[in-house]
Amino acid sequence: KKNLHFKESIQSRISHVPHSVFLSNTTIKENIAFGEKSKNLNKKRI
């Protein structure tokens, strides 16, 4: 528990692609930039 901030810091630096990918019933660009608001999407990065 005293390393909670450290754990969150590590988790934010890891990207993971599982065998079975969950997609939400939205657009392709929103699924790529999952969790970001549509107005904040980075089109160049997508």
All heavy atoms as atom14 arrays in JSON, in Angstrom:
{
  "sequence": "KKNLHFKESIQSRISHVPHSVFLSNTTIKENIAFGEKSKNLNKKRI",
  "atom14_mask": [
    [1, 1, 1, 1, 1, 1, 1, 1, 1, 0, 0, 0, 0, 0],
    [1, 1, 1, 1, 1, 1, 1, 1, 1, 0, 0, 0, 0, 0],
    [1, 1, 1, 1, 1, 1, 1, 1, 0, 0, 0, 0, 0, 0],
    [1, 1, 1, 1, 1, 1, 1, 1, 0, 0, 0, 0, 0, 0],
    [1, 1, 1, 1, 1, 1, 1, 1, 1, 1, 0, 0, 0, 0],
    [1, 1, 1, 1, 1, 1, 1, 1, 1, 1, 1, 0, 0, 0],
    [1, 1, 1, 1, 1, 1, 1, 1, 1, 0, 0, 0, 0, 0],
    [1, 1, 1, 1, 1, 1, 1, 1, 1, 0, 0, 0, 0, 0],
    [1, 1, 1, 1, 1, 1, 0, 0, 0, 0, 0, 0, 0, 0],
    [1, 1, 1, 1, 1, 1, 1, 1, 0, 0, 0, 0, 0, 0],
    [1, 1, 1, 1, 1, 1, 1, 1, 1, 0, 0, 0, 0, 0],
    [1, 1, 1, 1, 1, 1, 0, 0, 0, 0, 0, 0, 0, 0],
    [1, 1, 1, 1, 1, 1, 1, 1, 1, 1, 1, 0, 0, 0],
    [1, 1, 1, 1, 1, 1, 1, 1, 0, 0, 0, 0, 0, 0],
    [1, 1, 1, 1, 1, 1, 0, 0, 0, 0, 0, 0, 0, 0],
    [1, 1, 1, 1, 1, 1, 1, 1, 1, 1, 0, 0, 0, 0],
    [1, 1, 1, 1, 1, 1, 1, 0, 0, 0, 0, 0, 0, 0],
    [1, 1, 1, 1, 1, 1, 1, 0, 0, 0, 0, 0, 0, 0],
    [1, 1, 1, 1, 1, 1, 1, 1, 1, 1, 0, 0, 0, 0],
    [1, 1, 1, 1, 1, 1, 0, 0, 0, 0, 0, 0, 0, 0],
    [1, 1, 1, 1, 1, 1, 1, 0, 0, 0, 0, 0, 0, 0],
    [1, 1, 1, 1, 1, 1, 1, 1, 1, 1, 1, 0, 0, 0],
    [1, 1, 1, 1, 1, 1, 1, 1, 0, 0, 0, 0, 0, 0],
    [1, 1, 1, 1, 1, 1, 0, 0, 0, 0, 0, 0, 0, 0],
    [1, 1, 1, 1, 1, 1, 1, 1, 0, 0, 0, 0, 0, 0],
    [1, 1, 1, 1, 1, 1, 1, 0, 0, 0, 0, 0, 0, 0],
    [1, 1, 1, 1, 1, 1, 1, 0, 0, 0, 0, 0, 0, 0],
    [1, 1, 1, 1, 1, 1, 1, 1, 0, 0, 0, 0, 0, 0],
    [1, 1, 1, 1, 1, 1, 1, 1, 1, 0, 0, 0, 0, 0],
    [1, 1, 1, 1, 1, 1, 1, 1, 1, 0, 0, 0, 0, 0],
    [1, 1, 1, 1, 1, 1, 1, 1, 0, 0, 0, 0, 0, 0],
    [1, 1, 1, 1, 1, 1, 1, 1, 0, 0, 0, 0, 0, 0],
    [1, 1, 1, 1, 1, 0, 0, 0, 0, 0, 0, 0, 0, 0],
    [1, 1, 1, 1, 1, 1, 1, 1, 1, 1, 1, 0, 0, 0],
    [1, 1, 1, 1, 0, 0, 0, 0, 0, 0, 0, 0, 0, 0],
    [1, 1, 1, 1, 1, 1, 1, 1, 1, 0, 0, 0, 0, 0],
    [1, 1, 1, 1, 1, 1, 1, 1, 1, 0, 0, 0, 0, 0],
    [1, 1, 1, 1, 1, 1, 0, 0, 0, 0, 0, 0, 0, 0],
    [1, 1, 1, 1, 1, 1, 1, 1, 1, 0, 0, 0, 0, 0],
    [1, 1, 1, 1, 1, 1, 1, 1, 0, 0, 0, 0, 0, 0],
    [1, 1, 1, 1, 1, 1, 1, 1, 0, 0, 0, 0, 0, 0],
    [1, 1, 1, 1, 1, 1, 1, 1, 0, 0, 0, 0, 0, 0],
    [1, 1, 1, 1, 1, 1, 1, 1, 1, 0, 0, 0, 0, 0],
    [1, 1, 1, 1, 1, 1, 1, 1, 1, 0, 0, 0, 0, 0],
    [1, 1, 1, 1, 1, 1, 1, 1, 1, 1, 1, 0, 0, 0],
    [1, 1, 1, 1, 1, 1, 1, 1, 0, 0, 0, 0, 0, 0]
  ],
  "atom14_positions": [
    [[0.81, -1.22, 0.0], [0.0, 0.0, 0.0], [0.85, 1.27, 0.0], [0.44, 2.29, -0.55], [-0.97, 0.0, 1.17], [-2.06, -1.01, 0.99], [-3.06, -0.99, 2.11], [-4.05, -2.1, 1.81], [-5.11, -2.23, 2.69], [0.0, 0.0, 0.0], [0.0, 0.0, 0.0], [0.0, 0.0, 0.0], [0.0, 0.0, 0.0], [0.0, 0.0, 0.0]],
    [[2.02, 1.23, 0.58], [2.85, 2.43, 0.59], [3.5, 2.69, -0.78], [4.06, 3.74, -1.01], [3.88, 2.39, 1.7], [4.88, 1.27, 1.61], [5.77, 1.24, 2.84], [6.59, -0.03, 2.81], [7.21, -0.33, 4.05], [0.0, 0.0, 0.0], [0.0, 0.0, 0.0], [0.0, 0.0, 0.0], [0.0, 0.0, 0.0], [0.0, 0.0, 0.0]],
    [[3.4, 1.73, -1.69], [3.93, 1.89, -3.05], [2.82, 2.12, -4.08], [3.03, 1.93, -5.26], [4.74, 0.65, -3.46], [6.01, 0.51, -2.66], [6.59, 1.49, -2.24], [6.43, -0.72, -2.44], [0.0, 0.0, 0.0], [0.0, 0.0, 0.0], [0.0, 0.0, 0.0], [0.0, 0.0, 0.0], [0.0, 0.0, 0.0], [0.0, 0.0, 0.0]],
    [[1.63, 2.54, -3.64], [0.48, 2.72, -4.53], [0.79, 3.69, -5.67], [0.5, 3.4, -6.83], [-0.74, 3.2, -3.74], [-2.03, 3.31, -4.53], [-2.41, 1.96, -5.13], [-3.16, 3.82, -3.64], [0.0, 0.0, 0.0], [0.0, 0.0, 0.0], [0.0, 0.0, 0.0], [0.0, 0.0, 0.0], [0.0, 0.0, 0.0], [0.0, 0.0, 0.0]],
    [[1.41, 4.81, -5.36], [1.75, 5.78, -6.41], [2.74, 5.17, -7.39], [2.64, 5.36, -8.6], [2.33, 7.07, -5.8], [2.77, 8.06, -6.82], [1.87, 8.74, -7.63], [3.99, 8.46, -7.21], [2.54, 9.52, -8.45], [3.83, 9.38, -8.22], [0.0, 0.0, 0.0], [0.0, 0.0, 0.0], [0.0, 0.0, 0.0], [0.0, 0.0, 0.0]],
    [[3.7, 4.4, -6.87], [4.69, 3.73, -7.72], [4.0, 2.74, -8.65], [4.29, 2.69, -9.84], [5.71, 3.02, -6.82], [6.8, 2.3, -7.56], [7.76, 3.01, -8.26], [6.87, 0.92, -7.54], [8.77, 2.34, -8.94], [7.88, 0.25, -8.21], [8.83, 0.97, -8.91], [0.0, 0.0, 0.0], [0.0, 0.0, 0.0], [0.0, 0.0, 0.0]],
    [[3.03, 1.98, -8.13], [2.28, 1.01, -8.93], [1.53, 1.71, -10.05], [1.57, 1.28, -11.21], [1.31, 0.23, -8.05], [0.48, -0.81, -8.8], [-0.43, -1.56, -7.84], [-1.2, -2.63, -8.56], [-2.01, -3.44, -7.62], [0.0, 0.0, 0.0], [0.0, 0.0, 0.0], [0.0, 0.0, 0.0], [0.0, 0.0, 0.0], [0.0, 0.0, 0.0]],
    [[0.84, 2.8, -9.74], [0.09, 3.56, -10.75], [1.03, 4.13, -11.8], [0.73, 4.14, -12.99], [-0.72, 4.67, -10.1], [-1.87, 4.15, -9.27], [-2.52, 5.21, -8.41], [-2.05, 6.37, -8.4], [-3.51, 4.88, -7.74], [0.0, 0.0, 0.0], [0.0, 0.0, 0.0], [0.0, 0.0, 0.0], [0.0, 0.0, 0.0], [0.0, 0.0, 0.0]],
    [[2.19, 4.58, -11.38], [3.19, 5.12, -12.3], [3.68, 4.05, -13.27], [3.79, 4.3, -14.48], [4.37, 5.69, -11.51], [5.42, 6.05, -12.37], [0.0, 0.0, 0.0], [0.0, 0.0, 0.0], [0.0, 0.0, 0.0], [0.0, 0.0, 0.0], [0.0, 0.0, 0.0], [0.0, 0.0, 0.0], [0.0, 0.0, 0.0], [0.0, 0.0, 0.0]],
    [[3.92, 2.86, -12.78], [4.38, 1.76, -13.62], [3.28, 1.35, -14.59], [3.51, 1.18, -15.79], [4.82, 0.55, -12.77], [6.12, 0.88, -12.06], [4.99, -0.7, -13.62], [6.5, -0.11, -11.01], [0.0, 0.0, 0.0], [0.0, 0.0, 0.0], [0.0, 0.0, 0.0], [0.0, 0.0, 0.0], [0.0, 0.0, 0.0], [0.0, 0.0, 0.0]],
    [[2.06, 1.2, -14.09], [0.95, 0.78, -14.94], [0.7, 1.77, -16.07], [0.33, 1.38, -17.16], [-0.32, 0.59, -14.11], [-0.25, -0.64, -13.24], [-1.44, -0.76, -12.29], [-2.04, 0.23, -11.89], [-1.76, -2.0, -11.94], [0.0, 0.0, 0.0], [0.0, 0.0, 0.0], [0.0, 0.0, 0.0], [0.0, 0.0, 0.0], [0.0, 0.0, 0.0]],
    [[0.92, 3.04, -15.83], [0.69, 4.05, -16.87], [1.76, 3.99, -17.96], [1.59, 4.56, -19.03], [0.64, 5.45, -16.25], [1.92, 5.85, -15.82], [0.0, 0.0, 0.0], [0.0, 0.0, 0.0], [0.0, 0.0, 0.0], [0.0, 0.0, 0.0], [0.0, 0.0, 0.0], [0.0, 0.0, 0.0], [0.0, 0.0, 0.0], [0.0, 0.0, 0.0]],
    [[2.86, 3.28, -17.7], [3.95, 3.18, -18.68], [3.9, 1.89, -19.49], [4.78, 1.64, -20.31], [5.29, 3.29, -17.94], [5.48, 4.65, -17.3], [6.68, 4.77, -16.39], [7.77, 3.88, -16.64], [8.59, 3.44, -15.69], [8.4, 3.77, -14.44], [9.59, 2.64, -15.98], [0.0, 0.0, 0.0], [0.0, 0.0, 0.0], [0.0, 0.0, 0.0]],
    [[2.88, 1.07, -19.24], [2.77, -0.22, -19.92], [1.57, -0.22, -20.85], [0.48, 0.19, -20.48], [2.62, -1.37, -18.89], [3.86, -1.45, -18.0], [2.37, -2.71, -19.6], [3.72, -2.43, -16.84], [0.0, 0.0, 0.0], [0.0, 0.0, 0.0], [0.0, 0.0, 0.0], [0.0, 0.0, 0.0], [0.0, 0.0, 0.0], [0.0, 0.0, 0.0]],
    [[1.79, -0.67, -22.08], [0.71, -0.88, -23.05], [0.62, -2.38, -23.3], [1.64, -3.04, -23.45], [1.02, -0.16, -24.35], [0.15, 0.89, -24.57], [0.0, 0.0, 0.0], [0.0, 0.0, 0.0], [0.0, 0.0, 0.0], [0.0, 0.0, 0.0], [0.0, 0.0, 0.0], [0.0, 0.0, 0.0], [0.0, 0.0, 0.0], [0.0, 0.0, 0.0]],
    [[-0.59, -2.89, -23.38], [-0.79, -4.33, -23.48], [-1.81, -4.64, -24.57], [-2.84, -3.98, -24.65], [-1.28, -4.86, -22.12], [-1.68, -6.28, -22.15], [-2.99, -6.69, -22.02], [-0.96, -7.42, -22.28], [-3.05, -8.01, -22.06], [-1.83, -8.48, -22.23], [0.0, 0.0, 0.0], [0.0, 0.0, 0.0], [0.0, 0.0, 0.0], [0.0, 0.0, 0.0]],
    [[-1.5, -5.62, -25.4], [-2.45, -6.11, -26.4], [-2.73, -7.57, -26.06], [-1.86, -8.42, -26.21], [-1.9, -6.01, -27.84], [-2.98, -6.43, -28.83], [-1.38, -4.62, -28.15], [0.0, 0.0, 0.0], [0.0, 0.0, 0.0], [0.0, 0.0, 0.0], [0.0, 0.0, 0.0], [0.0, 0.0, 0.0], [0.0, 0.0, 0.0], [0.0, 0.0, 0.0]],
    [[-3.95, -7.86, -25.6], [-4.29, -9.25, -25.3], [-4.65, -10.01, -26.56], [-4.85, -9.42, -27.63], [-5.51, -9.11, -24.39], [-6.17, -7.84, -24.86], [-5.04, -6.94, -25.29], [0.0, 0.0, 0.0], [0.0, 0.0, 0.0], [0.0, 0.0, 0.0], [0.0, 0.0, 0.0], [0.0, 0.0, 0.0], [0.0, 0.0, 0.0], [0.0, 0.0, 0.0]],
    [[-4.76, -11.31, -26.43], [-5.16, -12.17, -27.55], [-6.54, -11.77, -28.06], [-6.77, -11.66, -29.25], [-5.15, -13.63, -27.1], [-5.79, -14.57, -28.06], [-5.21, -14.89, -29.27], [-6.95, -15.25, -28.01], [-6.01, -15.72, -29.91], [-7.07, -15.95, -29.17], [0.0, 0.0, 0.0], [0.0, 0.0, 0.0], [0.0, 0.0, 0.0], [0.0, 0.0, 0.0]],
    [[-7.45, -11.55, -27.15], [-8.82, -11.19, -27.51], [-9.04, -9.72, -27.15], [-9.07, -9.36, -25.98], [-9.8, -12.08, -26.74], [-11.12, -11.76, -27.1], [0.0, 0.0, 0.0], [0.0, 0.0, 0.0], [0.0, 0.0, 0.0], [0.0, 0.0, 0.0], [0.0, 0.0, 0.0], [0.0, 0.0, 0.0], [0.0, 0.0, 0.0], [0.0, 0.0, 0.0]],
    [[-9.19, -8.88, -28.15], [-9.3, -7.43, -27.97], [-10.77, -7.04, -27.81], [-11.61, -7.45, -28.59], [-8.69, -6.7, -29.18], [-8.89, -5.19, -29.08], [-7.21, -7.03, -29.33], [0.0, 0.0, 0.0], [0.0, 0.0, 0.0], [0.0, 0.0, 0.0], [0.0, 0.0, 0.0], [0.0, 0.0, 0.0], [0.0, 0.0, 0.0], [0.0, 0.0, 0.0]],
    [[-11.05, -6.23, -26.79], [-12.4, -5.69, -26.62], [-12.52, -4.4, -27.44], [-11.66, -3.53, -27.38], [-12.69, -5.36, -25.15], [-13.94, -4.53, -24.98], [-15.18, -5.13, -25.06], [-13.86, -3.16, -24.81], [-16.34, -4.37, -24.94], [-15.01, -2.39, -24.69], [-16.26, -3.0, -24.76], [0.0, 0.0, 0.0], [0.0, 0.0, 0.0], [0.0, 0.0, 0.0]],
    [[-13.59, -4.29, -28.2], [-13.89, -3.05, -28.92], [-15.27, -2.57, -28.48], [-16.2, -3.36, -28.33], [-13.88, -3.28, -30.43], [-12.55, -3.7, -31.06], [-12.7, -3.86, -32.57], [-11.45, -2.72, -30.74], [0.0, 0.0, 0.0], [0.0, 0.0, 0.0], [0.0, 0.0, 0.0], [0.0, 0.0, 0.0], [0.0, 0.0, 0.0], [0.0, 0.0, 0.0]],
    [[-15.37, -1.26, -28.29], [-16.68, -0.69, -27.93], [-17.45, -0.4, -29.21], [-16.87, -0.26, -30.29], [-16.5, 0.59, -27.1], [-15.87, 1.58, -27.86], [0.0, 0.0, 0.0], [0.0, 0.0, 0.0], [0.0, 0.0, 0.0], [0.0, 0.0, 0.0], [0.0, 0.0, 0.0], [0.0, 0.0, 0.0], [0.0, 0.0, 0.0], [0.0, 0.0, 0.0]],
    [[-18.74, -0.29, -29.11], [-19.61, -0.07, -30.26], [-19.56, 1.4, -30.67], [-20.56, 2.12, -30.6], [-21.04, -0.52, -29.93], [-21.93, -0.54, -31.15], [-21.46, -0.44, -32.28], [-23.22, -0.66, -30.93], [0.0, 0.0, 0.0], [0.0, 0.0, 0.0], [0.0, 0.0, 0.0], [0.0, 0.0, 0.0], [0.0, 0.0, 0.0], [0.0, 0.0, 0.0]],
    [[-18.36, 1.83, -31.07], [-18.14, 3.21, -31.52], [-17.37, 3.14, -32.83], [-17.34, 2.12, -33.5], [-17.38, 4.02, -30.46], [-16.11, 3.38, -30.21], [-18.14, 4.13, -29.15], [0.0, 0.0, 0.0], [0.0, 0.0, 0.0], [0.0, 0.0, 0.0], [0.0, 0.0, 0.0], [0.0, 0.0, 0.0], [0.0, 0.0, 0.0], [0.0, 0.0, 0.0]],
    [[-16.7, 4.23, -33.16], [-15.95, 4.29, -34.41], [-14.57, 3.66, -34.26], [-14.09, 3.44, -33.15], [-15.77, 5.75, -34.87], [-14.94, 6.43, -33.92], [-17.1, 6.46, -35.02], [0.0, 0.0, 0.0], [0.0, 0.0, 0.0], [0.0, 0.0, 0.0], [0.0, 0.0, 0.0], [0.0, 0.0, 0.0], [0.0, 0.0, 0.0], [0.0, 0.0, 0.0]],
    [[-13.95, 3.42, -35.4], [-12.59, 2.87, -35.39], [-11.64, 3.83, -34.7], [-10.85, 3.42, -33.84], [-12.13, 2.56, -36.83], [-12.95, 1.37, -37.37], [-10.63, 2.28, -36.88], [-12.78, 1.08, -38.83], [0.0, 0.0, 0.0], [0.0, 0.0, 0.0], [0.0, 0.0, 0.0], [0.0, 0.0, 0.0], [0.0, 0.0, 0.0], [0.0, 0.0, 0.0]],
    [[-11.73, 5.13, -35.02], [-10.81, 6.09, -34.4], [-11.01, 6.17, -32.89], [-10.05, 6.3, -32.14], [-10.89, 7.46, -35.06], [-12.17, 8.2, -34.83], [-12.18, 9.53, -35.59], [-13.48, 10.28, -35.37], [-13.57, 11.47, -36.2], [0.0, 0.0, 0.0], [0.0, 0.0, 0.0], [0.0, 0.0, 0.0], [0.0, 0.0, 0.0], [0.0, 0.0, 0.0]],
    [[-12.27, 6.06, -32.43], [-12.52, 6.1, -30.99], [-12.02, 4.83, -30.3], [-11.62, 4.86, -29.14], [-14.02, 6.3, -30.71], [-14.48, 7.7, -31.08], [-15.99, 7.85, -31.08], [-16.69, 6.93, -31.58], [-16.47, 8.89, -30.58], [0.0, 0.0, 0.0], [0.0, 0.0, 0.0], [0.0, 0.0, 0.0], [0.0, 0.0, 0.0], [0.0, 0.0, 0.0]],
    [[-12.02, 3.71, -31.01], [-11.47, 2.47, -30.45], [-9.96, 2.51, -30.4], [-9.35, 1.93, -29.51], [-11.98, 1.26, -31.22], [-13.29, 0.76, -30.68], [-13.33, 0.16, -29.61], [-14.38, 1.04, -31.38], [0.0, 0.0, 0.0], [0.0, 0.0, 0.0], [0.0, 0.0, 0.0], [0.0, 0.0, 0.0], [0.0, 0.0, 0.0], [0.0, 0.0, 0.0]],
    [[-9.33, 3.18, -31.36], [-7.87, 3.3, -31.32], [-7.45, 4.23, -30.18], [-6.55, 3.92, -29.42], [-7.32, 3.8, -32.68], [-7.49, 2.69, -33.73], [-5.86, 4.23, -32.55], [-7.13, 3.11, -35.15], [0.0, 0.0, 0.0], [0.0, 0.0, 0.0], [0.0, 0.0, 0.0], [0.0, 0.0, 0.0], [0.0, 0.0, 0.0], [0.0, 0.0, 0.0]],
    [[-8.13, 5.36, -30.05], [-7.83, 6.33, -28.99], [-8.76, 6.09, -27.8], [-9.32, 7.02, -27.24], [-7.99, 7.74, -29.54], [0.0, 0.0, 0.0], [0.0, 0.0, 0.0], [0.0, 0.0, 0.0], [0.0, 0.0, 0.0], [0.0, 0.0, 0.0], [0.0, 0.0, 0.0], [0.0, 0.0, 0.0], [0.0, 0.0, 0.0], [0.0, 0.0, 0.0]],
    [[-8.89, 4.85, -27.42], [-9.85, 4.39, -26.41], [-9.77, 5.22, -25.13], [-8.7, 5.42, -24.57], [-9.56, 2.93, -26.09], [-10.67, 2.22, -25.39], [-11.84, 1.92, -26.05], [-10.55, 1.85, -24.06], [-12.88, 1.25, -25.41], [-11.57, 1.18, -23.41], [-12.73, 0.88, -24.09], [0.0, 0.0, 0.0], [0.0, 0.0, 0.0], [0.0, 0.0, 0.0]],
    [[-10.91, 5.75, -24.71], [-10.97, 6.51, -23.47], [-10.78, 8.01, -23.63], [-10.99, 8.76, -22.69], [0.0, 0.0, 0.0], [0.0, 0.0, 0.0], [0.0, 0.0, 0.0], [0.0, 0.0, 0.0], [0.0, 0.0, 0.0], [0.0, 0.0, 0.0], [0.0, 0.0, 0.0], [0.0, 0.0, 0.0], [0.0, 0.0, 0.0], [0.0, 0.0, 0.0]],
    [[-10.37, 8.44, -24.79], [-10.21, 9.87, -25.05], [-11.5, 10.44, -25.6], [-12.2, 9.78, -26.35], [-9.09, 10.12, -26.06], [-7.79, 10.47, -25.4], [-6.73, 10.92, -26.4], [-6.99, 11.86, -27.18], [-5.66, 10.32, -26.38], [0.0, 0.0, 0.0], [0.0, 0.0, 0.0], [0.0, 0.0, 0.0], [0.0, 0.0, 0.0], [0.0, 0.0, 0.0]],
    [[-11.78, 11.68, -25.26], [-12.95, 12.36, -25.81], [-12.71, 12.64, -27.3], [-11.59, 12.94, -27.7], [-13.21, 13.66, -25.07], [-13.6, 13.46, -23.61], [-14.03, 14.78, -23.03], [-14.31, 14.74, -21.56], [-15.05, 13.71, -21.01], [0.0, 0.0, 0.0], [0.0, 0.0, 0.0], [0.0, 0.0, 0.0], [0.0, 0.0, 0.0], [0.0, 0.0, 0.0]],
    [[-13.75, 12.52, -28.1], [-13.65, 12.7, -29.56], [-12.95, 13.99, -29.96], [-12.16, 14.02, -30.89], [-15.03, 12.65, -30.21], [-15.54, 11.35, -30.13], [0.0, 0.0, 0.0], [0.0, 0.0, 0.0], [0.0, 0.0, 0.0], [0.0, 0.0, 0.0], [0.0, 0.0, 0.0], [0.0, 0.0, 0.0], [0.0, 0.0, 0.0], [0.0, 0.0, 0.0]],
    [[-13.21, 15.06, -29.23], [-12.61, 16.35, -29.59], [-11.11, 16.4, -29.31], [-10.42, 17.24, -29.84], [-13.33, 17.49, -28.87], [-13.19, 17.46, -27.37], [-13.94, 18.6, -26.72], [-13.72, 18.53, -25.21], [-14.38, 19.59, -24.52], [0.0, 0.0, 0.0], [0.0, 0.0, 0.0], [0.0, 0.0, 0.0], [0.0, 0.0, 0.0], [0.0, 0.0, 0.0]],
    [[-10.6, 15.47, -28.48], [-9.18, 15.46, -28.13], [-8.35, 14.46, -28.92], [-7.16, 14.32, -28.68], [-9.01, 15.15, -26.63], [-9.63, 16.2, -25.75], [-9.76, 17.35, -26.13], [-10.03, 15.8, -24.56], [0.0, 0.0, 0.0], [0.0, 0.0, 0.0], [0.0, 0.0, 0.0], [0.0, 0.0, 0.0], [0.0, 0.0, 0.0], [0.0, 0.0, 0.0]],
    [[-8.96, 13.75, -29.87], [-8.23, 12.72, -30.6], [-7.09, 13.32, -31.41], [-7.25, 14.34, -32.06], [-9.18, 11.95, -31.52], [-10.36, 11.25, -30.86], [-11.16, 10.49, -31.9], [-9.92, 10.33, -29.76], [0.0, 0.0, 0.0], [0.0, 0.0, 0.0], [0.0, 0.0, 0.0], [0.0, 0.0, 0.0], [0.0, 0.0, 0.0], [0.0, 0.0, 0.0]],
    [[-5.96, 12.64, -31.37], [-4.78, 13.07, -32.13], [-4.8, 12.34, -33.47], [-4.36, 11.19, -33.58], [-3.52, 12.75, -31.33], [-2.25, 13.18, -32.01], [-2.19, 13.31, -33.23], [-1.22, 13.39, -31.22], [0.0, 0.0, 0.0], [0.0, 0.0, 0.0], [0.0, 0.0, 0.0], [0.0, 0.0, 0.0], [0.0, 0.0, 0.0], [0.0, 0.0, 0.0]],
    [[-5.35, 12.99, -34.5], [-5.53, 12.37, -35.82], [-4.2, 11.91, -36.42], [-4.12, 10.83, -37.0], [-6.24, 13.37, -36.75], [-6.49, 12.85, -38.14], [-7.56, 11.77, -38.18], [-7.93, 11.44, -39.61], [-7.79, 10.09, -39.99], [0.0, 0.0, 0.0], [0.0, 0.0, 0.0], [0.0, 0.0, 0.0], [0.0, 0.0, 0.0], [0.0, 0.0, 0.0]],
    [[-3.15, 12.7, -36.26], [-1.83, 12.3, -36.78], [-1.35, 11.0, -36.13], [-0.84, 10.11, -36.8], [-0.79, 13.4, -36.53], [-0.72, 14.46, -37.58], [0.38, 15.44, -37.2], [1.19, 15.8, -38.41], [2.16, 16.85, -38.11], [0.0, 0.0, 0.0], [0.0, 0.0, 0.0], [0.0, 0.0, 0.0], [0.0, 0.0, 0.0], [0.0, 0.0, 0.0]],
    [[-1.53, 10.92, -34.84], [-1.1, 9.73, -34.1], [-1.95, 8.52, -34.51], [-1.43, 7.42, -34.7], [-1.21, 9.99, -32.59], [-0.74, 8.85, -31.72], [0.72, 8.92, -31.48], [1.13, 7.88, -30.54], [2.37, 7.65, -30.2], [3.33, 8.41, -30.67], [2.67, 6.69, -29.37], [0.0, 0.0, 0.0], [0.0, 0.0, 0.0], [0.0, 0.0, 0.0]],
    [[-3.26, 8.72, -34.67], [-4.14, 7.64, -35.12], [-3.7, 7.13, -36.48], [-3.6, 5.92, -36.7], [-5.62, 8.11, -35.15], [-6.14, 8.29, -33.73], [-6.49, 7.1, -35.91], [-7.5, 8.95, -33.64], [0.0, 0.0, 0.0], [0.0, 0.0, 0.0], [0.0, 0.0, 0.0], [0.0, 0.0, 0.0], [0.0, 0.0, 0.0], [0.0, 0.0, 0.0]]
  ]
}
